[in-house]
N, C-alpha and C. Protein backbone atom coordinates (compact mmCIF):
# COMPACT_ATOMS: atom_id res chain seq x y z
N ALA A 1 0.46 -8.79 -16.19
CA ALA A 1 1.64 -8.73 -17.04
C ALA A 1 2.42 -9.68 -17.43
N THR A 2 1.69 -10.58 -17.76
CA THR A 2 2.66 -11.62 -18.41
C THR A 2 1.00 -12.22 -19.26
N GLU A 3 1.63 -13.05 -20.57
CA GLU A 3 0.61 -14.12 -20.84
C GLU A 3 0.04 -15.06 -20.40
N GLU A 4 0.67 -15.47 -19.52
CA GLU A 4 0.03 -16.31 -18.83
C GLU A 4 -0.53 -15.90 -17.36
N GLY A 5 -0.15 -15.00 -17.08
CA GLY A 5 -1.12 -14.36 -15.62
C GLY A 5 -1.06 -14.99 -14.52
N THR A 6 0.26 -15.46 -14.45
CA THR A 6 0.50 -16.15 -13.07
C THR A 6 2.09 -15.02 -12.30
N LEU A 7 1.79 -15.73 -11.10
CA LEU A 7 2.84 -14.56 -10.27
C LEU A 7 4.12 -15.48 -10.66
N LYS A 8 4.49 -16.88 -10.94
CA LYS A 8 5.61 -17.43 -11.56
C LYS A 8 6.10 -16.23 -13.23
N SER A 9 5.32 -16.71 -13.88
CA SER A 9 5.54 -16.14 -14.87
C SER A 9 5.66 -14.74 -14.54
N ALA A 10 5.51 -13.63 -13.47
CA ALA A 10 5.48 -12.34 -13.27
C ALA A 10 6.97 -11.83 -12.97
N VAL A 11 7.83 -13.08 -12.89
CA VAL A 11 8.83 -12.56 -12.03
C VAL A 11 10.18 -11.77 -13.49
N LYS A 12 9.51 -12.27 -14.30
CA LYS A 12 10.72 -11.70 -15.23
C LYS A 12 10.14 -10.03 -15.50
N VAL A 13 8.91 -9.84 -15.20
CA VAL A 13 8.23 -8.89 -15.42
C VAL A 13 9.29 -7.50 -14.56
N LEU A 14 9.74 -8.48 -12.97
CA LEU A 14 10.42 -7.73 -11.89
C LEU A 14 11.56 -7.14 -12.63
N ASP A 15 12.22 -7.71 -13.38
CA ASP A 15 13.80 -7.36 -13.80
C ASP A 15 13.32 -5.84 -14.35
N HIS A 16 12.22 -5.76 -15.41
CA HIS A 16 11.79 -4.64 -16.14
C HIS A 16 11.99 -3.56 -14.78
N TYR A 17 11.18 -3.29 -13.88
CA TYR A 17 11.27 -2.34 -13.19
C TYR A 17 12.28 -2.47 -12.35
N ALA A 18 13.22 -3.28 -11.96
CA ALA A 18 14.37 -2.91 -11.38
C ALA A 18 15.33 -2.48 -12.24
N GLU A 19 15.14 -2.74 -13.62
CA GLU A 19 16.28 -1.69 -14.66
C GLU A 19 15.62 0.07 -14.38
N MET A 20 14.27 -0.18 -14.43
CA MET A 20 14.04 1.39 -14.42
C MET A 20 14.10 1.82 -13.49
N GLY A 21 14.37 1.39 -12.13
CA GLY A 21 14.57 1.96 -10.50
C GLY A 21 13.41 2.08 -9.84
N VAL A 22 12.62 1.21 -10.47
CA VAL A 22 10.91 1.14 -9.41
C VAL A 22 11.41 0.86 -7.93
N ASN A 23 11.11 0.67 -6.70
CA ASN A 23 11.87 0.08 -5.49
C ASN A 23 10.63 -0.64 -4.82
N THR A 24 9.14 -0.20 -5.12
CA THR A 24 7.92 -0.44 -4.23
C THR A 24 7.00 -0.86 -5.83
N LEU A 25 6.07 -1.98 -5.49
CA LEU A 25 5.33 -2.27 -6.35
C LEU A 25 4.04 -2.06 -5.03
N TRP A 26 2.62 -1.82 -5.55
CA TRP A 26 1.19 -1.96 -4.83
C TRP A 26 0.59 -3.32 -5.69
N ILE A 27 0.79 -4.47 -5.45
CA ILE A 27 0.09 -5.56 -5.85
C ILE A 27 -1.51 -5.37 -5.54
N CYS A 28 -2.31 -5.42 -6.76
CA CYS A 28 -3.93 -5.60 -6.59
C CYS A 28 -4.34 -6.76 -5.81
N PRO A 29 -5.19 -6.53 -5.66
CA PRO A 29 -5.73 -8.23 -4.97
C PRO A 29 -5.38 -9.30 -5.16
N VAL A 30 -5.07 -9.66 -4.57
CA VAL A 30 -4.43 -11.42 -4.62
C VAL A 30 -5.46 -12.63 -4.42
N TYR A 31 -6.57 -12.00 -3.94
CA TYR A 31 -7.43 -13.36 -3.11
C TYR A 31 -8.62 -13.75 -4.47
N GLU A 32 -9.07 -14.85 -4.03
CA GLU A 32 -9.90 -15.74 -4.93
C GLU A 32 -11.47 -14.98 -5.16
N PRO A 33 -11.66 -14.46 -6.54
CA PRO A 33 -12.92 -13.89 -6.62
C PRO A 33 -14.30 -14.69 -6.54
N GLY A 34 -14.18 -15.52 -6.53
CA GLY A 34 -15.09 -16.56 -6.05
C GLY A 34 -16.35 -16.50 -7.36
N LYS A 35 -17.48 -16.32 -7.38
CA LYS A 35 -18.47 -16.09 -8.00
C LYS A 35 -18.71 -14.71 -9.09
N SER A 36 -18.09 -13.92 -8.14
CA SER A 36 -18.03 -12.41 -9.00
C SER A 36 -17.43 -12.31 -9.97
N ASP A 37 -17.49 -11.38 -10.82
CA ASP A 37 -16.48 -11.06 -11.95
C ASP A 37 -15.44 -10.11 -11.61
N GLY A 38 -14.74 -9.36 -10.88
CA GLY A 38 -14.21 -8.65 -10.41
C GLY A 38 -12.84 -8.69 -10.87
N ASN A 39 -11.87 -8.01 -10.31
CA ASN A 39 -10.60 -8.14 -10.34
C ASN A 39 -9.63 -8.46 -8.88
N GLY A 40 -10.24 -9.08 -7.61
CA GLY A 40 -9.90 -9.68 -6.56
C GLY A 40 -10.38 -8.42 -5.65
N TYR A 41 -11.16 -6.98 -5.88
CA TYR A 41 -11.37 -6.04 -4.99
C TYR A 41 -13.09 -6.59 -4.27
N CYS A 42 -13.68 -7.46 -5.25
CA CYS A 42 -14.93 -8.31 -4.45
C CYS A 42 -14.54 -9.60 -4.65
N ASN A 43 -14.08 -10.56 -3.50
CA ASN A 43 -13.55 -11.52 -3.12
C ASN A 43 -14.37 -12.21 -1.89
N ILE A 44 -13.91 -13.34 -2.01
CA ILE A 44 -14.70 -13.91 -0.98
C ILE A 44 -13.87 -14.59 0.64
N GLY A 45 -12.97 -13.24 0.70
CA GLY A 45 -12.30 -13.21 2.03
C GLY A 45 -10.59 -13.50 1.74
N PRO A 46 -9.80 -12.71 3.05
CA PRO A 46 -8.76 -12.73 2.84
C PRO A 46 -7.77 -13.80 3.15
N HIS A 47 -8.75 -14.85 3.37
CA HIS A 47 -7.58 -16.54 4.05
C HIS A 47 -7.56 -17.25 2.72
N SER A 48 -8.26 -16.73 1.09
CA SER A 48 -8.09 -17.17 -0.05
C SER A 48 -6.98 -16.17 -0.80
N VAL A 49 -6.74 -17.04 -1.89
CA VAL A 49 -5.92 -16.68 -2.84
C VAL A 49 -6.08 -17.00 -4.45
N ASP A 50 -6.43 -16.58 -4.74
CA ASP A 50 -6.82 -16.91 -6.81
C ASP A 50 -5.95 -18.15 -7.21
N PRO A 51 -6.52 -18.82 -7.06
CA PRO A 51 -6.06 -20.16 -7.73
C PRO A 51 -5.53 -19.50 -9.07
N LYS A 52 -5.44 -18.88 -10.15
CA LYS A 52 -5.39 -18.42 -11.66
C LYS A 52 -3.94 -17.82 -11.56
N ILE A 53 -3.78 -17.02 -10.38
CA ILE A 53 -2.52 -16.46 -10.38
C ILE A 53 -1.43 -17.16 -9.63
N THR A 54 -1.98 -18.50 -8.65
CA THR A 54 -0.59 -19.54 -8.06
C THR A 54 -0.97 -20.75 -8.72
N GLY A 55 -1.41 -20.77 -9.30
CA GLY A 55 -1.44 -22.67 -9.87
C GLY A 55 -1.93 -23.63 -9.18
N THR A 56 -2.54 -23.26 -7.97
CA THR A 56 -3.45 -24.38 -7.00
C THR A 56 -3.98 -23.83 -6.50
N SER A 57 -5.03 -24.70 -5.94
CA SER A 57 -6.19 -24.42 -5.48
C SER A 57 -6.03 -24.49 -3.80
N ASP A 58 -4.79 -25.16 -3.50
CA ASP A 58 -4.78 -24.92 -1.97
C ASP A 58 -3.79 -23.45 -1.79
N TYR A 59 -4.81 -23.07 -0.40
CA TYR A 59 -4.64 -21.81 -0.28
C TYR A 59 -3.51 -21.60 0.23
N ALA A 60 -2.91 -22.44 1.32
CA ALA A 60 -1.52 -22.49 1.89
C ALA A 60 -0.45 -22.68 1.12
N GLU A 61 -0.59 -23.16 0.22
CA GLU A 61 0.51 -23.32 -1.08
C GLU A 61 0.60 -22.25 -1.92
N GLY A 62 -0.89 -21.87 -2.19
CA GLY A 62 -1.15 -20.28 -2.95
C GLY A 62 -0.21 -19.86 -2.39
N TRP A 63 -0.41 -19.08 -1.21
CA TRP A 63 0.25 -18.07 -0.46
C TRP A 63 1.61 -18.30 -0.41
N LYS A 64 2.23 -19.23 -0.18
CA LYS A 64 3.69 -19.68 -0.71
C LYS A 64 4.45 -19.40 -1.62
N GLU A 65 3.09 -19.19 -2.72
CA GLU A 65 3.56 -18.78 -4.10
C GLU A 65 3.71 -17.51 -4.03
N VAL A 66 2.75 -16.61 -3.23
CA VAL A 66 3.05 -15.84 -3.29
C VAL A 66 4.48 -14.92 -2.78
N GLY A 67 4.62 -15.50 -1.58
CA GLY A 67 5.91 -15.51 -0.86
C GLY A 67 7.62 -15.46 -1.79
N ARG A 68 6.82 -16.55 -2.66
CA ARG A 68 8.12 -16.58 -3.29
C ARG A 68 8.16 -15.57 -4.75
N PHE A 69 7.09 -14.72 -4.86
CA PHE A 69 7.15 -13.53 -5.74
C PHE A 69 7.76 -12.61 -5.02
N VAL A 70 7.27 -12.60 -3.45
CA VAL A 70 7.71 -11.27 -2.72
C VAL A 70 9.30 -11.58 -2.66
N GLU A 71 9.70 -12.62 -2.19
CA GLU A 71 11.38 -13.17 -2.48
C GLU A 71 12.26 -12.55 -3.71
N GLU A 72 11.22 -12.76 -4.75
CA GLU A 72 12.25 -12.42 -6.39
C GLU A 72 12.47 -10.69 -6.23
N ALA A 73 11.23 -10.41 -5.40
CA ALA A 73 10.92 -8.87 -5.86
C ALA A 73 12.01 -8.51 -4.49
N HIS A 74 12.49 -8.67 -3.93
CA HIS A 74 13.18 -8.51 -2.56
C HIS A 74 14.60 -8.63 -3.21
N LYS A 75 15.07 -9.53 -3.86
CA LYS A 75 16.10 -9.75 -4.33
C LYS A 75 16.71 -9.09 -5.28
N ARG A 76 15.90 -8.05 -6.08
CA ARG A 76 15.70 -7.00 -7.04
C ARG A 76 15.86 -5.50 -6.10
N ASN A 77 15.52 -5.57 -4.69
CA ASN A 77 15.70 -4.25 -4.12
C ASN A 77 13.88 -3.63 -4.26
N ILE A 78 13.32 -4.81 -4.36
CA ILE A 78 11.85 -4.16 -4.74
C ILE A 78 10.98 -4.39 -3.47
N ARG A 79 10.04 -3.56 -2.97
CA ARG A 79 9.56 -3.96 -1.61
C ARG A 79 7.81 -3.89 -2.51
N ILE A 80 7.09 -4.58 -1.80
CA ILE A 80 6.05 -5.32 -2.21
C ILE A 80 4.75 -4.96 -1.21
N LEU A 81 3.84 -3.95 -1.27
CA LEU A 81 2.63 -3.75 -1.02
C LEU A 81 1.39 -4.81 -1.36
N LEU A 82 0.60 -5.23 -0.40
CA LEU A 82 -0.38 -6.05 -1.01
C LEU A 82 -2.03 -5.40 -0.29
N ASP A 83 -2.88 -5.40 -1.22
CA ASP A 83 -4.20 -4.82 -1.15
C ASP A 83 -4.86 -5.62 -0.16
N VAL A 84 -5.48 -4.94 0.33
CA VAL A 84 -6.16 -5.61 1.56
C VAL A 84 -7.50 -4.96 1.34
N ILE A 85 -8.75 -5.84 1.52
CA ILE A 85 -10.18 -5.72 1.18
C ILE A 85 -11.02 -5.65 2.91
N THR A 86 -11.54 -4.49 3.41
CA THR A 86 -11.81 -4.67 4.63
C THR A 86 -13.21 -4.55 4.56
N TRP A 87 -14.07 -4.08 3.38
CA TRP A 87 -15.09 -3.97 3.22
C TRP A 87 -16.45 -5.28 3.55
N GLY A 88 -15.98 -6.44 2.95
CA GLY A 88 -16.90 -7.15 3.11
C GLY A 88 -16.12 -8.26 2.43
N THR A 89 -17.16 -9.11 1.66
CA THR A 89 -17.05 -9.89 0.72
C THR A 89 -17.79 -10.02 -0.40
N ALA A 90 -17.54 -11.02 -1.86
CA ALA A 90 -18.58 -11.24 -2.43
C ALA A 90 -20.41 -11.81 -2.15
N TYR A 91 -20.57 -11.48 -2.82
CA TYR A 91 -22.29 -12.34 -2.54
C TYR A 91 -22.17 -13.47 -2.96
N GLY A 92 -22.46 -14.46 -1.88
CA GLY A 92 -21.94 -15.97 -2.20
C GLY A 92 -20.95 -16.95 -1.67
N ALA A 93 -20.18 -15.87 -0.94
CA ALA A 93 -19.23 -16.31 -0.35
C ALA A 93 -19.49 -17.26 0.82
N PRO A 94 -18.79 -18.14 1.19
CA PRO A 94 -18.96 -19.33 2.07
C PRO A 94 -18.71 -18.54 3.12
N MET A 95 -18.33 -17.75 3.66
CA MET A 95 -18.15 -17.23 5.05
C MET A 95 -19.64 -16.63 5.18
N TYR A 96 -20.30 -16.03 4.46
CA TYR A 96 -21.59 -15.43 4.89
C TYR A 96 -22.31 -16.37 5.17
N SER A 97 -22.09 -17.42 4.64
CA SER A 97 -23.36 -18.65 5.24
C SER A 97 -22.46 -19.30 6.38
N GLN A 98 -21.39 -19.38 6.56
CA GLN A 98 -20.92 -19.96 7.86
C GLN A 98 -20.98 -19.15 9.02
N HIS A 99 -20.87 -18.15 8.85
CA HIS A 99 -20.36 -17.05 9.83
C HIS A 99 -21.34 -15.54 10.12
N PRO A 100 -22.94 -15.93 9.49
CA PRO A 100 -23.63 -14.60 9.57
C PRO A 100 -23.69 -13.65 10.00
N ALA A 101 -23.26 -13.74 11.61
CA ALA A 101 -22.63 -13.02 12.90
C ALA A 101 -22.06 -11.88 12.13
N TRP A 102 -20.86 -11.99 11.60
CA TRP A 102 -19.69 -11.59 11.17
C TRP A 102 -20.01 -10.63 10.42
N TYR A 103 -21.47 -10.38 9.54
CA TYR A 103 -22.07 -9.23 8.82
C TYR A 103 -22.87 -8.48 9.17
N ARG A 104 -22.94 -7.20 8.93
CA ARG A 104 -23.91 -6.38 9.08
C ARG A 104 -24.89 -6.53 7.94
N ASP A 105 -26.30 -5.78 8.43
CA ASP A 105 -27.41 -6.04 7.09
C ASP A 105 -27.27 -4.75 6.33
N LYS A 106 -26.16 -4.88 5.60
CA LYS A 106 -25.98 -4.16 4.76
C LYS A 106 -25.46 -4.42 3.43
N GLU A 107 -25.50 -4.45 2.15
CA GLU A 107 -24.80 -4.54 1.04
C GLU A 107 -24.08 -3.18 0.50
N VAL A 108 -22.42 -3.38 0.35
CA VAL A 108 -21.49 -2.63 -0.34
C VAL A 108 -20.98 -3.07 -1.35
N TRP A 109 -20.67 -2.57 -2.48
CA TRP A 109 -19.65 -2.56 -3.35
C TRP A 109 -19.93 -3.86 -4.00
N GLY A 110 -21.20 -4.15 -4.05
CA GLY A 110 -21.18 -5.49 -4.71
C GLY A 110 -21.32 -6.52 -4.00
N GLY A 111 -21.41 -6.38 -2.70
CA GLY A 111 -21.24 -7.86 -1.89
C GLY A 111 -21.58 -7.24 -0.27
N ASN A 112 -21.64 -8.07 0.50
CA ASN A 112 -22.29 -8.18 2.12
C ASN A 112 -21.16 -7.58 2.91
N ALA A 113 -21.55 -6.29 3.70
CA ALA A 113 -20.57 -5.66 4.67
C ALA A 113 -20.07 -6.78 5.61
N PHE A 114 -18.74 -6.20 6.17
CA PHE A 114 -18.64 -6.86 7.31
C PHE A 114 -18.88 -6.36 8.57
N ASP A 115 -19.25 -6.93 9.48
CA ASP A 115 -19.24 -6.35 11.22
C ASP A 115 -18.04 -6.01 11.62
N TRP A 116 -17.52 -5.06 11.41
CA TRP A 116 -16.20 -4.70 12.66
C TRP A 116 -16.79 -4.32 14.22
N LYS A 117 -17.67 -4.62 14.55
CA LYS A 117 -18.34 -4.24 15.97
C LYS A 117 -17.97 -5.81 16.57
N ASN A 118 -18.00 -6.72 15.69
CA ASN A 118 -18.01 -8.11 16.10
C ASN A 118 -16.69 -8.68 16.36
N ASP A 119 -16.31 -8.96 17.69
CA ASP A 119 -15.20 -8.88 18.09
C ASP A 119 -14.56 -10.36 17.74
N GLU A 120 -15.47 -11.30 17.36
CA GLU A 120 -14.61 -12.64 16.63
C GLU A 120 -14.35 -12.62 15.61
N PHE A 121 -14.88 -11.85 14.90
CA PHE A 121 -14.41 -11.66 13.37
C PHE A 121 -13.61 -10.93 13.49
N LYS A 122 -13.54 -9.68 14.28
CA LYS A 122 -11.89 -8.96 14.33
C LYS A 122 -10.77 -9.87 14.47
N GLU A 123 -11.04 -10.89 15.57
CA GLU A 123 -9.95 -11.33 15.96
C GLU A 123 -9.50 -12.56 14.29
N TRP A 124 -10.13 -12.87 13.92
CA TRP A 124 -10.39 -14.05 12.69
C TRP A 124 -9.64 -13.32 11.91
N TYR A 125 -9.95 -11.84 11.28
CA TYR A 125 -9.69 -11.19 10.67
C TYR A 125 -7.93 -10.60 10.73
N TYR A 126 -7.62 -10.19 11.70
CA TYR A 126 -6.41 -9.98 12.63
C TYR A 126 -5.76 -11.52 12.48
N ALA A 127 -6.00 -12.33 12.47
CA ALA A 127 -5.23 -13.83 12.49
C ALA A 127 -4.85 -13.92 11.01
N GLN A 128 -5.86 -13.75 9.85
CA GLN A 128 -5.66 -13.76 8.20
C GLN A 128 -4.72 -12.67 8.10
N LEU A 129 -4.45 -11.60 8.46
CA LEU A 129 -3.59 -10.49 7.96
C LEU A 129 -2.07 -11.39 8.94
N GLU A 130 -1.98 -11.66 9.90
CA GLU A 130 -0.95 -11.49 10.29
C GLU A 130 -0.59 -12.98 9.67
N ASN A 131 -1.47 -13.94 9.18
CA ASN A 131 -0.75 -15.06 8.55
C ASN A 131 -0.09 -14.70 6.92
N ILE A 132 -0.62 -13.98 7.00
CA ILE A 132 -0.46 -13.36 5.12
C ILE A 132 1.14 -12.68 5.62
N ALA A 133 0.74 -11.72 6.07
CA ALA A 133 2.70 -11.12 6.65
C ALA A 133 3.56 -12.08 6.85
N VAL A 134 3.27 -12.85 7.78
CA VAL A 134 4.41 -13.99 8.07
C VAL A 134 4.59 -15.25 6.23
N MET A 135 3.98 -15.36 5.82
CA MET A 135 3.68 -16.12 4.78
C MET A 135 4.26 -15.22 3.79
N THR A 136 4.16 -14.54 3.48
CA THR A 136 4.68 -14.34 2.57
C THR A 136 5.87 -13.15 2.57
N ASN A 137 6.16 -12.63 3.77
CA ASN A 137 6.78 -11.65 4.26
C ASN A 137 7.02 -10.29 3.46
N CYS A 138 5.85 -9.83 3.19
CA CYS A 138 5.60 -8.23 2.12
C CYS A 138 6.11 -7.30 2.94
N ASP A 139 6.00 -6.23 2.79
CA ASP A 139 6.59 -5.00 3.13
C ASP A 139 5.03 -4.12 4.12
N GLY A 140 4.07 -4.13 3.44
CA GLY A 140 3.04 -3.67 3.89
C GLY A 140 1.76 -4.10 3.01
N PHE A 141 0.97 -3.07 3.47
CA PHE A 141 -0.51 -3.47 2.90
C PHE A 141 -0.89 -1.78 2.44
N ARG A 142 -1.86 -1.77 1.51
CA ARG A 142 -2.57 -0.68 1.10
C ARG A 142 -4.02 -1.48 1.47
N LEU A 143 -4.81 -0.37 2.12
CA LEU A 143 -5.85 -0.71 2.53
C LEU A 143 -7.34 -0.02 2.21
N ASP A 144 -7.97 -0.96 1.13
CA ASP A 144 -8.70 -0.38 0.61
C ASP A 144 -10.10 -0.13 1.16
N CYS A 145 -10.37 1.35 0.46
CA CYS A 145 -11.50 1.72 1.37
C CYS A 145 -11.13 2.83 2.43
N GLU A 146 -9.98 2.41 2.55
CA GLU A 146 -9.81 2.72 4.61
C GLU A 146 -9.51 4.22 4.68
N PRO A 147 -10.09 5.33 5.12
CA PRO A 147 -10.49 4.59 6.91
C PRO A 147 -11.76 4.53 7.21
N TRP A 148 -12.52 3.96 6.13
CA TRP A 148 -14.02 4.34 6.08
C TRP A 148 -14.59 2.62 6.89
N TYR A 149 -14.18 1.76 6.61
CA TYR A 149 -14.56 0.57 7.28
C TYR A 149 -14.19 -0.05 8.49
N ALA A 150 -13.02 -0.41 8.48
CA ALA A 150 -11.97 -1.19 9.46
C ALA A 150 -12.35 -0.13 10.45
N GLY A 151 -11.41 0.92 9.96
CA GLY A 151 -11.31 2.61 11.19
C GLY A 151 -9.76 2.46 11.46
N ALA A 152 -9.11 3.54 11.64
CA ALA A 152 -7.99 3.46 12.17
C ALA A 152 -7.65 2.84 13.32
N ASP A 153 -8.24 2.83 14.45
CA ASP A 153 -8.27 2.21 15.70
C ASP A 153 -8.06 0.47 15.81
N VAL A 154 -8.62 0.14 14.42
CA VAL A 154 -8.36 -1.50 14.50
C VAL A 154 -7.09 -1.48 13.79
N ILE A 155 -6.77 -0.17 12.87
CA ILE A 155 -5.40 -0.73 12.33
C ILE A 155 -4.20 -0.57 13.10
N LYS A 156 -4.17 0.93 13.75
CA LYS A 156 -3.60 1.06 15.16
C LYS A 156 -3.47 -0.65 15.73
N ASP A 157 -4.40 -0.92 16.09
CA ASP A 157 -4.32 -2.46 16.93
C ASP A 157 -3.76 -3.59 16.01
N PHE A 158 -3.95 -3.87 15.06
CA PHE A 158 -3.12 -4.73 14.08
C PHE A 158 -1.96 -4.38 14.09
N ARG A 159 -1.47 -2.56 13.55
CA ARG A 159 0.05 -2.15 13.82
C ARG A 159 0.70 -2.97 15.03
N SER A 160 0.10 -2.85 16.24
CA SER A 160 0.82 -2.87 17.25
C SER A 160 0.94 -4.40 17.55
N ARG A 161 -0.23 -4.98 16.98
CA ARG A 161 -0.11 -7.05 17.18
C ARG A 161 1.47 -7.23 16.51
N LEU A 162 1.44 -6.97 15.21
CA LEU A 162 2.27 -7.24 14.51
C LEU A 162 4.13 -6.82 14.88
N SER A 163 3.70 -5.29 15.22
CA SER A 163 5.04 -5.13 15.97
C SER A 163 5.48 -5.74 17.14
N ALA A 164 5.07 -6.23 17.99
CA ALA A 164 5.01 -7.18 19.12
C ALA A 164 5.09 -8.43 18.68
N LYS A 165 5.24 -8.75 17.17
CA LYS A 165 5.60 -10.13 16.92
C LYS A 165 6.97 -9.78 15.98
N GLY A 166 7.76 -8.58 15.97
CA GLY A 166 8.82 -8.14 14.89
C GLY A 166 8.76 -8.22 13.54
N ARG A 167 7.19 -7.88 13.53
CA ARG A 167 7.04 -7.07 12.05
C ARG A 167 6.29 -6.07 11.63
N LYS A 168 7.08 -4.48 11.17
CA LYS A 168 6.96 -3.26 11.21
C LYS A 168 6.61 -3.04 9.60
N LEU A 169 5.11 -3.06 9.46
CA LEU A 169 4.81 -2.95 7.99
C LEU A 169 4.31 -1.47 7.03
N PHE A 170 4.38 -0.90 6.07
CA PHE A 170 4.00 0.12 5.74
C PHE A 170 2.48 -0.38 5.51
N MET A 171 1.80 0.95 6.00
CA MET A 171 0.33 1.23 5.97
C MET A 171 0.09 2.11 4.85
N MET A 172 -0.72 1.59 3.99
CA MET A 172 -1.04 3.25 3.48
C MET A 172 -3.25 2.88 2.87
N ALA A 173 -3.69 4.00 3.54
CA ALA A 173 -5.09 4.00 3.30
C ALA A 173 -5.27 4.64 1.98
N GLU A 174 -6.56 3.94 1.59
CA GLU A 174 -6.86 4.76 0.07
C GLU A 174 -7.45 6.24 0.24
N ASP A 175 -8.23 6.33 1.45
CA ASP A 175 -8.58 7.90 1.44
C ASP A 175 -7.75 8.89 2.41
N ARG A 176 -8.76 9.87 2.54
CA ARG A 176 -8.04 11.19 3.67
C ARG A 176 -8.46 10.32 4.70
N ASN A 177 -7.45 10.90 5.80
CA ASN A 177 -7.56 10.36 7.36
C ASN A 177 -6.27 11.54 8.00
N PHE A 178 -6.60 11.32 9.35
CA PHE A 178 -5.41 11.94 9.93
C PHE A 178 -4.20 11.08 10.43
N ARG A 179 -4.28 10.03 9.65
CA ARG A 179 -2.99 8.82 10.15
C ARG A 179 -2.75 8.49 11.50
N ASP A 180 -3.17 9.56 12.82
CA ASP A 180 -3.07 8.94 13.66
C ASP A 180 -2.27 7.25 14.05
N ASN A 181 -1.16 7.63 13.89
CA ASN A 181 0.04 6.40 14.11
C ASN A 181 -0.62 5.12 13.23
N ALA A 182 -1.84 5.20 12.45
CA ALA A 182 -2.78 4.08 12.02
C ALA A 182 -2.03 3.90 10.58
N TYR A 183 -1.82 5.11 9.37
CA TYR A 183 -1.43 4.99 8.03
C TYR A 183 -0.13 5.38 8.25
N ASP A 184 1.14 5.31 7.48
CA ASP A 184 2.24 6.02 6.97
C ASP A 184 1.64 6.90 5.80
N CYS A 185 0.68 6.62 5.13
CA CYS A 185 0.11 7.63 4.31
C CYS A 185 -1.07 7.37 3.55
N GLU A 186 -1.30 8.24 2.61
CA GLU A 186 -3.17 7.61 2.00
C GLU A 186 -2.88 7.77 0.69
N GLN A 187 -3.43 7.03 -0.06
CA GLN A 187 -3.21 7.04 -1.42
C GLN A 187 -3.96 8.39 -1.93
N ALA A 188 -5.06 8.93 -1.71
CA ALA A 188 -5.61 10.07 -2.01
C ALA A 188 -4.79 10.98 -2.06
N GLY A 189 -3.73 11.34 -0.53
CA GLY A 189 -2.64 12.52 -0.40
C GLY A 189 -2.11 12.88 -1.72
N VAL A 190 -1.77 11.73 -2.52
CA VAL A 190 -0.81 11.85 -3.93
C VAL A 190 -1.38 11.74 -5.13
N ASN A 191 -2.70 11.48 -4.89
CA ASN A 191 -3.46 11.66 -6.47
C ASN A 191 -4.09 12.63 -7.09
N PRO A 192 -3.74 13.27 -7.96
CA PRO A 192 -4.19 14.50 -8.37
C PRO A 192 -5.31 14.10 -9.32
N THR A 193 -5.93 13.00 -9.43
CA THR A 193 -6.95 12.88 -10.27
C THR A 193 -8.19 13.07 -9.57
N SER A 194 -8.03 13.22 -8.56
CA SER A 194 -9.40 13.38 -7.37
C SER A 194 -10.37 14.56 -7.55
N ILE A 195 -11.51 14.22 -7.56
CA ILE A 195 -12.89 15.09 -7.75
C ILE A 195 -12.40 16.07 -7.16
N GLU A 196 -12.28 16.06 -5.56
CA GLU A 196 -12.06 17.18 -4.48
C GLU A 196 -10.91 17.95 -4.81
N ASN A 197 -11.04 18.87 -4.94
CA ASN A 197 -10.03 19.99 -5.76
C ASN A 197 -8.39 20.20 -4.61
N TYR A 198 -9.04 19.80 -3.16
CA TYR A 198 -7.71 19.83 -2.60
C TYR A 198 -6.85 18.82 -2.76
N TYR A 199 -7.58 17.93 -3.30
CA TYR A 199 -6.49 16.61 -3.17
C TYR A 199 -5.74 16.88 -4.66
N LYS A 200 -5.78 18.16 -5.27
CA LYS A 200 -4.73 17.98 -6.43
C LYS A 200 -3.84 19.08 -5.78
N SER A 201 -3.68 19.44 -4.19
CA SER A 201 -2.78 20.42 -4.08
C SER A 201 -1.46 18.99 -4.09
N GLU A 202 -0.03 19.49 -3.58
CA GLU A 202 1.03 18.70 -3.36
C GLU A 202 1.25 18.32 -2.05
N THR A 203 0.42 19.35 -0.97
CA THR A 203 0.24 19.38 0.04
C THR A 203 -0.18 18.13 0.76
N PRO A 204 -0.08 17.19 1.56
CA PRO A 204 -0.61 16.26 2.43
C PRO A 204 -1.67 16.43 2.41
N ILE A 205 -2.85 15.80 2.35
CA ILE A 205 -3.97 15.92 2.81
C ILE A 205 -4.48 15.67 3.87
N TYR A 206 -3.68 15.09 4.92
CA TYR A 206 -3.81 15.13 6.28
C TYR A 206 -3.38 16.49 7.23
N TYR A 207 -2.76 17.53 6.25
CA TYR A 207 -2.70 18.80 6.48
C TYR A 207 -3.93 19.61 6.68
N PHE A 208 -4.84 19.39 5.82
CA PHE A 208 -5.74 19.99 5.30
C PHE A 208 -7.00 19.62 6.38
N LEU A 209 -6.88 18.45 6.87
CA LEU A 209 -7.85 17.88 7.40
C LEU A 209 -7.61 18.45 8.86
N ASN A 210 -6.81 18.53 9.17
CA ASN A 210 -6.14 19.19 10.56
C ASN A 210 -6.65 20.60 11.00
N GLN A 211 -6.21 20.92 9.91
CA GLN A 211 -6.58 22.59 9.73
C GLN A 211 -8.32 22.72 9.41
N PHE A 212 -8.71 22.01 8.83
CA PHE A 212 -10.05 22.48 8.58
C PHE A 212 -11.15 21.65 8.57
N ASP A 213 -11.36 20.62 9.14
CA ASP A 213 -12.17 19.57 9.51
C ASP A 213 -12.57 19.52 11.13
């Protein structure tokens, strides 16, 4: 969005969006990509944040920088959704060698797949998202590739934990789903470019699932 490519420099872009009447921005992944050449969708884990956009390699300070960007957005009546990656991490991510039991024996999307049946990993992941929610004061999450990896039950559990702490966040899944009190909406349900014909209808996708699946 800017020549500098940092969150700090992007604050001025918020003025442009506010003038346009935009009230919510979905921010693509802010995590550190590591050795991958991706755009954050392949990264080294939800605890990390990309030094290129925050200006610091200290993750704690980096998340504070994300929080300052969210604060500036809120001053302009703009809500911020942060992208969440639930399928796994990039090849070579330190987590993979440090906690091999947290992964399945499977490769997906150019990386290693998380094992969502591992309770230790699940608790760790919950803690990371709670930390992000608290540190940044973001308004919600867009959950990449969901509900096909973590699944609706995990997201419902996460929502209930956040609610108990006084945080009610908006949750948007990428793909079609029954919502089931896990997601507020699905990206696919309002995306007319999908190859599946029923995505092209203005009728929310979860109605079709309830009727036909």
